[in-house]
């Protein structure tokens, strides 16, 4: 929930895991490696969806680089 706008955001299981790993302080490469270990997914699809989620979170000003 964004307390500034009262918007509620919903993440799927993978998105939630990315959010948790961001909170742990992992960088992009660390997050990719961890997701590749935890989920059965093609690396190209993982990269695409990972970058789309990061862009959406940045666009909503929920994360910064």
C-alpha atoms as a PDB file:
ATOM      1  CA  UNK A   1       0.000   0.000   0.000  1.00  0.00           C
ATOM      2  CA  UNK A   2       1.320   3.403  -0.946  1.00  0.00           C
ATOM      3  CA  UNK A   3       0.536   5.567   2.092  1.00  0.00           C
ATOM      4  CA  UNK A   4       0.903   8.787   0.087  1.00  0.00           C
ATOM      5  CA  UNK A   5      -1.782   7.878  -2.446  1.00  0.00           C
ATOM      6  CA  UNK A   6      -3.729   5.162  -0.575  1.00  0.00           C
ATOM      7  CA  UNK A   7      -3.235   2.911  -3.601  1.00  0.00           C
ATOM      8  CA  UNK A   8      -3.048  -0.802  -2.991  1.00  0.00           C
ATOM      9  CA  UNK A   9      -0.711  -2.860  -5.142  1.00  0.00           C
ATOM     10  CA  UNK A  10      -0.960  -6.598  -5.557  1.00  0.00           C
ATOM     11  CA  UNK A  11       1.925  -8.865  -6.514  1.00  0.00           C
ATOM     12  CA  UNK A  12       1.905 -12.459  -7.640  1.00  0.00           C
ATOM     13  CA  UNK A  13       4.135 -15.023  -5.919  1.00  0.00           C
ATOM     14  CA  UNK A  14       7.174 -14.161  -8.025  1.00  0.00           C
ATOM     15  CA  UNK A  15       6.639 -10.419  -7.656  1.00  0.00           C
ATOM     16  CA  UNK A  16       6.339 -10.809  -3.904  1.00  0.00           C
ATOM     17  CA  UNK A  17       9.604 -12.751  -3.832  1.00  0.00           C
ATOM     18  CA  UNK A  18      11.327 -10.007  -5.826  1.00  0.00           C
ATOM     19  CA  UNK A  19       9.995  -7.426  -3.352  1.00  0.00           C
ATOM     20  CA  UNK A  20      11.334  -9.495  -0.439  1.00  0.00           C
ATOM     21  CA  UNK A  21      14.751  -9.805  -2.086  1.00  0.00           C
ATOM     22  CA  UNK A  22      14.831  -6.056  -2.728  1.00  0.00           C
ATOM     23  CA  UNK A  23      14.119  -5.527   0.977  1.00  0.00           C
ATOM     24  CA  UNK A  24      17.053  -7.822   1.788  1.00  0.00           C
ATOM     25  CA  UNK A  25      19.273  -5.479  -0.193  1.00  0.00           C
ATOM     26  CA  UNK A  26      20.144  -7.816  -3.053  1.00  0.00           C
ATOM     27  CA  UNK A  27      21.165  -6.205  -6.331  1.00  0.00           C
ATOM     28  CA  UNK A  28      19.764  -7.164  -9.743  1.00  0.00           C
ATOM     29  CA  UNK A  29      22.227  -9.972 -10.329  1.00  0.00           C
ATOM     30  CA  UNK A  30      21.691 -11.379  -6.846  1.00  0.00           C
ATOM     31  CA  UNK A  31      17.935 -11.326  -7.282  1.00  0.00           C
ATOM     32  CA  UNK A  32      18.149 -12.998 -10.701  1.00  0.00           C
ATOM     33  CA  UNK A  33      20.394 -15.729  -9.332  1.00  0.00           C
ATOM     34  CA  UNK A  34      18.125 -16.378  -6.368  1.00  0.00           C
ATOM     35  CA  UNK A  35      14.991 -16.482  -8.519  1.00  0.00           C
ATOM     36  CA  UNK A  36      16.652 -18.868 -10.957  1.00  0.00           C
ATOM     37  CA  UNK A  37      17.400 -21.182  -8.016  1.00  0.00           C
ATOM     38  CA  UNK A  38      13.915 -20.939  -6.523  1.00  0.00           C
ATOM     39  CA  UNK A  39      11.684 -21.012  -9.626  1.00  0.00           C
ATOM     40  CA  UNK A  40      11.607 -23.150 -12.726  1.00  0.00           C
ATOM     41  CA  UNK A  41      11.636 -20.507 -15.464  1.00  0.00           C
ATOM     42  CA  UNK A  42      13.487 -19.762 -18.671  1.00  0.00           C
ATOM     43  CA  UNK A  43      16.207 -17.147 -18.066  1.00  0.00           C
ATOM     44  CA  UNK A  44      14.911 -14.898 -20.874  1.00  0.00           C
ATOM     45  CA  UNK A  45      11.376 -14.910 -19.459  1.00  0.00           C
ATOM     46  CA  UNK A  46      12.710 -14.266 -15.974  1.00  0.00           C
ATOM     47  CA  UNK A  47      14.726 -11.276 -17.207  1.00  0.00           C
ATOM     48  CA  UNK A  48      11.768  -9.846 -19.136  1.00  0.00           C
ATOM     49  CA  UNK A  49       9.299 -10.125 -16.273  1.00  0.00           C
ATOM     50  CA  UNK A  50      11.858  -8.965 -13.719  1.00  0.00           C
ATOM     51  CA  UNK A  51      12.632  -5.797 -15.698  1.00  0.00           C
ATOM     52  CA  UNK A  52       8.907  -5.124 -16.279  1.00  0.00           C
ATOM     53  CA  UNK A  53       8.211  -5.345 -12.554  1.00  0.00           C
ATOM     54  CA  UNK A  54      11.145  -3.070 -11.685  1.00  0.00           C
ATOM     55  CA  UNK A  55       9.925  -0.512 -14.226  1.00  0.00           C
ATOM     56  CA  UNK A  56       6.389  -0.621 -12.817  1.00  0.00           C
ATOM     57  CA  UNK A  57       7.685  -0.185  -9.260  1.00  0.00           C
ATOM     58  CA  UNK A  58       9.905   2.728 -10.350  1.00  0.00           C
ATOM     59  CA  UNK A  59       7.059   4.342 -12.308  1.00  0.00           C
ATOM     60  CA  UNK A  60       4.904   4.259  -9.169  1.00  0.00           C
ATOM     61  CA  UNK A  61       7.863   5.619  -7.171  1.00  0.00           C
ATOM     62  CA  UNK A  62       7.813   2.574  -4.905  1.00  0.00           C
ATOM     63  CA  UNK A  63      11.522   1.928  -5.483  1.00  0.00           C
ATOM     64  CA  UNK A  64      14.534   3.916  -6.640  1.00  0.00           C
ATOM     65  CA  UNK A  65      17.700   2.697  -8.326  1.00  0.00           C
END
